[in-house]
Amino acid sequence: MKKLVLPLLVSAAFLAFTGCSGANSSSGGTVFNPPPVQAATYSNASITGTYAVNFTAANTTSIFTSIGTFVADGNGTITSGALSEYAGGAPCTVSFTGTYTLKADASGTATLTTKPSGTAGCPVSATGSLQLAIQAAQQGQALLITESDQGSVATGTALKQ
C-alpha cells in the first residue's frame, strides 16, 4: 500500500497542475497563445525627416570623424545635408544632397553628391559622389551606414531627431 501512495500523489499533482494551467483543453481550461510577431516592412517612406549623423572613416593617409545632419523626404531623396569633418586637426564643412532606396528587409543604398564649403581643411576629394550601404532599424528611427569607395572606409549611424 505504501508503494502505491507516492505514484498516486505524483499523478494527482500532475493532473491538478495541467488542469489548472489550461494546457489540457479537455479539462475545460483555455489555451492562450501569444499573438504572432509581425515582421517590420520597410520602404523609402521609413526614412523621413531630420537625422543626426556621425561617421568614423579611414583612408590611406588619415583617420577622420564627421558629424552633421541631413533631411530625407520619405520618397528617396536627401534634400539637404551638411557634415563637419575633422582630419588631422583641420576642419572641413561639406554639404550634400542625394538619393536613397530602402528595401522591405530594411537594407538599402544611398548616393550622395558632396561639395565642400570652401573651408581650408577640405581636401580635393571632398567634392564628388559617395556610395553608401544602409541598414534601417526601429522603422527608420536609426540607420547604420557604411561607405567603401574612393579609397576610404567609413562607418556611422544616423538617428532621427
Foldseek 3Di string as FASTA:
>chain_A
DVVPVVVVVVVVVVVVVCLVVQVDVVSVRHDDDDDDDDDFFAWLLLAAAKKWKKKWKDFPPWTKIKIWMWGRHSPFKTPKIWIWMATPRFTWIKIWIWGKTAGGQQKIKIKIAIDTPPGPRDDPVRGGIWIWIWGAPPSNQKIWIWTDDPRMIMIMMIGHD
